[in-house]
Every structure is written in C-alpha cells, then in structure tokens.
Amino acid sequence: MEKARLYLAEFIGTLMLVAVGTGVVVFVGVQTGALPVAFAFGLAAIMAVYTFGNVSGAHLNPAVSLAMAINKRLSWINFLGYVVAQILGGIAGSAVVFGFMKAFGAKHAAIQQIGFGQTVYQTPVSFMGATMIEMFLTFVFVLVIMMVSSKKHGAGKLAPLVIGFALTALVLLGISATGASLNPARSFGPALFAMFFGSATAMSQIGVYLIGPLVGGALAAVVAKFFGSEEA
C-alpha cells in the first residue's frame, strides 16, 4: 500500500506538470511566446511539489529519480516504479490536453498543426548540440533539487518555490533551442500523442530528451554528493 501511494503521487504529480505545462504551450504559448510557457511549467512544478513532496518527494522526472537513486536517497526498485509512474503520468497529462483540444473543437488537421506541446528542437541545432543543451539544463535543474531538498543544504518549505523558479529560468534559457524539456516523461507523453495524430517529428527526436536529461541528472548526483547533499 505504501509503494502504491508513492507511485500514485508520482503519477498524479507528473500528470499535473505535463497537462498544465504543455496545455499552455498548445493554447497560449503559440500566440504569446516563451514567458507564459516557462511560468506554466514553473508554477505547475510548485503546485505538484507542495502537494506531493511529503508523500513521494515529488520527483516528477526520471532524471531526478535517477539522481536520487545514485545518491542512495531512493532504492533502485522504487526508481523503476517511479519512472513507470512518471511516464504513465506524462501520457495521461497529454490525454488531458487532448481532451481540452476536443472540447475546443479542434479538428484533425489542427491537432496535427499545433500538436500536444511536444518538445522538438529546431534546425540548425544538431542532435549532439540539442543533447548537450538538454544535458546542461537538466544538470543545473537536478543539482538545484538535490541541494535544496537535502538535510545539510535544504531550503525547507521554500524548496518547492526554488525548484519552480529554477525550472522557469531554465525553460526560458533553452526553449528556443530545444524546447527545454529537462524531463524524459514530459517529452515522451506528448511525443506519443503527436505521433498518433500524424506528426512523428517529436518521437523521431526523443533520443535527445532521454539521453540528455538522464546524463545531466547523473552528473548532478555526483556533484551534489561532493557537496554532501546525499542525505534526504
């Protein structure tokens, strides 16, 4: 029962992040630019971390869970459960966005055009360049999480705010280059839905959003451990 609560918290929290963040990409961001998108993801992270932080830690991101497992703040068995829950949460979040689109009367052609807030990188950014950008952005983000959530360096009740504003800043930095995912679960769900509706671009680039964030998260774990933040 305890594991079920942990995994359900990760599922719902990731659903919240993806539904709110990518929903704003679809319905607001395409008209108004990067700032609403960045704040949407940041505020969604704050909501989810305050809601589920005391339940599961509110990782909401396989890269965060990987870093926690490397630093022995999460068992490897729970790491697998968290990642499955997060990926399913990302898919469910995209389903929510799809439901909103249908409620707005979006037709098939319109769905193909605006997608599901999927993350894609623009040419002329290369695969390697995009991967390195995602790696750096995720490294910084996960390092912040590891530090502010630790006993030694923790920010206490302010930690969710720090995490949310860090995500906002990093999305602003990277959105024009890669879409600034920093999160494999956030990318996979929208890419999967987009593929089903005739746009395979995001899924063809999914390697960037798996490799970059996971390597960045692993590096953040090593650096965080050096600073003594391995204790939860």
Protein backbone atom coordinates (compact mmCIF):
# COMPACT_ATOMS: atom_id res chain seq x y z
CA MET A 1 0.00 0.00 0.00
CA GLU A 2 2.84 2.40 0.82
CA LYS A 3 4.50 1.83 -2.56
CA ALA A 4 1.16 2.35 -4.27
CA ARG A 5 0.86 5.76 -2.58
CA LEU A 6 4.37 6.72 -3.70
CA TYR A 7 3.76 5.70 -7.29
CA LEU A 8 0.31 7.27 -7.44
CA ALA A 9 1.75 10.55 -6.14
CA GLU A 10 4.39 10.49 -8.90
CA PHE A 11 1.74 9.65 -11.49
CA ILE A 12 -0.61 12.48 -10.49
CA GLY A 13 2.19 14.98 -9.97
CA THR A 14 3.66 14.29 -13.42
CA LEU A 15 0.19 14.44 -14.93
CA MET A 16 -0.24 17.90 -13.40
CA LEU A 17 3.12 19.09 -14.73
CA VAL A 18 2.54 17.85 -18.26
CA ALA A 19 -1.13 18.83 -18.51
CA VAL A 20 -0.56 22.39 -17.27
CA GLY A 21 2.79 23.00 -18.96
CA THR A 22 2.09 21.52 -22.37
CA GLY A 23 -1.51 22.75 -22.24
CA VAL A 24 -0.19 26.30 -22.06
CA VAL A 25 2.17 25.52 -24.95
CA VAL A 26 -0.83 24.46 -27.04
CA PHE A 27 -3.41 27.05 -26.04
CA VAL A 28 -1.38 30.10 -25.00
CA GLY A 29 2.30 29.83 -25.82
CA VAL A 30 1.98 29.65 -29.58
CA GLN A 31 0.44 33.11 -29.54
CA THR A 32 2.34 34.87 -26.76
CA GLY A 33 5.85 33.43 -26.72
CA ALA A 34 8.15 31.83 -24.16
CA LEU A 35 7.29 33.61 -20.91
CA PRO A 36 3.83 32.07 -20.29
CA VAL A 37 5.21 28.62 -21.13
CA ALA A 38 8.13 28.96 -18.73
CA PHE A 39 5.92 30.20 -15.91
CA ALA A 40 3.35 27.48 -16.60
CA PHE A 41 5.94 24.75 -16.09
CA GLY A 42 7.42 26.52 -13.07
CA LEU A 43 4.07 27.06 -11.39
CA ALA A 44 2.94 23.52 -12.19
CA ALA A 45 6.12 22.22 -10.55
CA ILE A 46 5.46 24.34 -7.46
CA MET A 47 1.90 23.02 -7.21
CA ALA A 48 2.96 19.41 -7.58
CA VAL A 49 5.93 19.61 -5.21
CA TYR A 50 3.90 21.31 -2.47
CA THR A 51 1.12 18.75 -2.99
CA PHE A 52 3.18 15.56 -3.12
CA GLY A 53 6.60 16.48 -1.77
CA ASN A 54 5.87 14.95 1.63
CA VAL A 55 4.47 11.80 0.01
CA SER A 56 6.94 10.72 -2.66
CA GLY A 57 9.37 13.62 -2.83
CA ALA A 58 7.60 14.76 -6.00
CA HIS A 59 10.38 13.91 -8.41
CA LEU A 60 8.05 14.09 -11.45
CA ASN A 61 11.05 13.37 -13.65
CA PRO A 62 13.12 10.22 -14.35
CA ALA A 63 16.30 12.33 -14.33
CA VAL A 64 15.56 13.46 -10.76
CA SER A 65 14.74 9.91 -9.66
CA LEU A 66 17.98 8.65 -11.24
CA ALA A 67 20.00 11.21 -9.29
CA MET A 68 18.21 10.29 -6.08
CA ALA A 69 18.91 6.58 -6.68
CA ILE A 70 22.59 7.21 -7.42
CA ASN A 71 22.90 9.12 -4.16
CA LYS A 72 21.02 6.41 -2.26
CA ARG A 73 18.06 8.65 -1.48
CA LEU A 74 15.81 6.28 -3.43
CA SER A 75 16.01 2.50 -3.77
CA TRP A 76 16.58 1.12 -7.25
CA ILE A 77 13.33 -0.83 -7.02
CA ASN A 78 11.44 2.36 -6.24
CA PHE A 79 13.39 4.10 -9.01
CA LEU A 80 11.85 1.71 -11.53
CA GLY A 81 8.39 2.21 -10.03
CA TYR A 82 8.80 5.99 -10.06
CA VAL A 83 9.89 6.04 -13.70
CA VAL A 84 6.96 3.90 -14.83
CA ALA A 85 4.56 6.10 -12.86
CA GLN A 86 6.11 9.27 -14.30
CA ILE A 87 5.93 8.05 -17.89
CA LEU A 88 2.32 6.99 -17.44
CA GLY A 89 1.62 10.36 -15.81
CA GLY A 90 3.12 12.13 -18.81
CA ILE A 91 0.92 10.12 -21.17
CA ALA A 92 -2.14 10.84 -19.02
CA GLY A 93 -1.27 14.55 -18.99
CA SER A 94 -1.20 14.52 -22.77
CA ALA A 95 -4.57 12.79 -22.76
CA VAL A 96 -5.92 15.68 -20.68
CA VAL A 97 -4.57 18.17 -23.22
CA PHE A 98 -6.19 16.10 -25.98
CA GLY A 99 -9.49 16.26 -24.11
CA PHE A 100 -9.22 20.05 -23.86
CA MET A 101 -8.46 20.25 -27.57
CA LYS A 102 -11.51 18.20 -28.43
CA ALA A 103 -13.61 20.35 -26.09
CA PHE A 104 -12.39 23.39 -28.03
CA GLY A 105 -13.49 21.65 -31.22
CA ALA A 106 -10.02 21.10 -32.65
CA LYS A 107 -10.15 19.17 -35.91
CA HIS A 108 -7.68 16.53 -37.03
CA ALA A 109 -5.69 18.98 -39.18
CA ALA A 110 -5.49 21.49 -36.34
CA ILE A 111 -4.33 18.79 -33.94
CA GLN A 112 -1.57 17.88 -36.38
CA GLN A 113 -0.51 21.51 -36.67
CA ILE A 114 -0.34 22.52 -33.01
CA GLY A 115 0.48 19.08 -31.62
CA PHE A 116 0.36 18.31 -27.91
CA GLY A 117 3.02 20.68 -26.64
CA GLN A 118 5.62 18.15 -27.70
CA THR A 119 9.26 19.09 -27.39
CA VAL A 120 11.22 19.40 -30.62
CA TYR A 121 14.47 21.13 -31.41
CA GLN A 122 14.75 23.43 -34.35
CA THR A 123 17.23 23.22 -37.18
CA PRO A 124 20.08 24.12 -37.35
CA VAL A 125 20.58 22.65 -33.86
CA SER A 126 22.19 19.25 -34.34
CA PHE A 127 21.29 16.08 -32.45
CA MET A 128 24.51 16.33 -30.47
CA GLY A 129 24.05 20.04 -29.82
CA ALA A 130 20.47 19.56 -28.65
CA THR A 131 21.53 16.67 -26.42
CA MET A 132 24.26 18.76 -24.82
CA ILE A 133 21.83 21.63 -24.20
CA GLU A 134 19.32 19.32 -22.56
CA MET A 135 22.11 17.74 -20.52
CA PHE A 136 23.32 21.10 -19.21
CA LEU A 137 19.84 22.42 -18.43
CA THR A 138 18.91 19.22 -16.61
CA PHE A 139 22.23 19.14 -14.75
CA VAL A 140 21.57 22.58 -13.31
CA PHE A 141 17.93 21.81 -12.52
CA VAL A 142 18.61 18.48 -10.80
CA LEU A 143 21.56 19.93 -8.89
CA VAL A 144 19.27 22.62 -7.50
CA ILE A 145 16.75 19.96 -6.49
CA MET A 146 19.38 17.78 -4.83
CA MET A 147 20.78 20.69 -2.85
CA VAL A 148 17.59 22.39 -1.70
CA SER A 149 15.98 19.09 -0.70
CA SER A 150 18.89 17.81 1.38
CA LYS A 151 19.19 17.93 5.16
CA LYS A 152 22.53 19.71 5.03
CA HIS A 153 21.73 22.40 2.46
CA GLY A 154 17.96 22.23 2.31
CA ALA A 155 15.66 25.20 1.82
CA GLY A 156 12.85 23.69 3.89
CA LYS A 157 9.37 24.90 3.00
CA LEU A 158 10.82 27.24 0.39
CA ALA A 159 12.29 24.35 -1.62
CA PRO A 160 9.25 23.98 -3.95
CA LEU A 161 9.45 27.69 -4.79
CA VAL A 162 13.17 27.46 -5.55
CA ILE A 163 12.57 24.40 -7.73
CA GLY A 164 9.69 26.03 -9.60
CA PHE A 165 11.54 29.27 -10.29
CA ALA A 166 14.67 27.36 -11.31
CA LEU A 167 12.58 25.44 -13.85
CA THR A 168 11.08 28.70 -15.11
CA ALA A 169 14.51 30.25 -15.64
CA LEU A 170 15.93 27.19 -17.38
CA VAL A 171 12.93 26.85 -19.70
CA LEU A 172 13.40 30.47 -20.68
CA LEU A 173 17.07 29.81 -21.38
CA GLY A 174 16.59 26.73 -23.52
CA ILE A 175 13.15 26.93 -25.07
CA SER A 176 14.24 28.47 -28.37
CA ALA A 177 16.93 25.83 -28.88
CA THR A 178 15.38 22.54 -27.77
CA GLY A 179 12.01 23.37 -26.22
CA ALA A 180 13.70 22.92 -22.82
CA SER A 181 12.18 19.66 -21.66
CA LEU A 182 14.67 18.63 -18.93
CA ASN A 183 12.42 15.62 -18.38
CA PRO A 184 12.01 12.37 -20.37
CA ALA A 185 8.47 11.83 -19.06
CA ARG A 186 7.45 15.35 -20.06
CA SER A 187 8.70 14.68 -23.62
CA PHE A 188 7.55 11.10 -24.17
CA GLY A 189 3.83 11.54 -23.45
CA PRO A 190 3.26 14.49 -25.81
CA ALA A 191 5.50 12.93 -28.48
CA LEU A 192 3.49 9.70 -28.33
CA PHE A 193 0.19 11.53 -28.77
CA ALA A 194 1.62 13.67 -31.55
CA MET A 195 2.79 10.56 -33.39
CA PHE A 196 -0.70 9.08 -33.27
CA PHE A 197 -2.04 12.20 -34.98
CA GLY A 198 0.36 12.29 -37.87
CA SER A 199 3.39 14.20 -36.53
CA ALA A 200 6.34 11.90 -35.92
CA THR A 201 8.90 14.71 -35.53
CA ALA A 202 8.96 14.73 -31.74
CA MET A 203 9.19 10.94 -31.44
CA SER A 204 12.00 10.84 -34.02
CA GLN A 205 13.95 13.23 -31.77
CA ILE A 206 13.08 11.52 -28.48
CA GLY A 207 16.66 10.33 -28.03
CA VAL A 208 17.71 13.89 -27.25
CA TYR A 209 15.18 14.07 -24.42
CA LEU A 210 16.12 10.70 -22.98
CA ILE A 211 19.92 10.82 -23.20
CA GLY A 212 20.47 14.50 -22.37
CA PRO A 213 18.36 14.69 -19.20
CA LEU A 214 19.45 11.31 -17.83
CA VAL A 215 23.15 12.08 -18.28
CA GLY A 216 22.60 15.55 -16.80
CA GLY A 217 20.78 14.06 -13.82
CA ALA A 218 23.55 11.53 -13.21
CA LEU A 219 26.21 14.25 -13.31
CA ALA A 220 24.17 16.36 -10.90
CA ALA A 221 24.07 13.43 -8.48
CA VAL A 222 27.86 13.19 -8.49
CA VAL A 223 28.33 16.92 -7.93
CA ALA A 224 25.66 17.02 -5.23
CA LYS A 225 27.32 14.14 -3.42
CA PHE A 226 30.63 16.04 -3.47
CA PHE A 227 28.89 18.89 -1.64
CA GLY A 228 27.44 16.49 0.91
CA SER A 229 23.79 16.64 -0.14
CA GLU A 230 23.28 12.88 -0.44
CA GLU A 231 21.17 12.81 2.71
CA ALA A 232 17.45 13.25 2.18
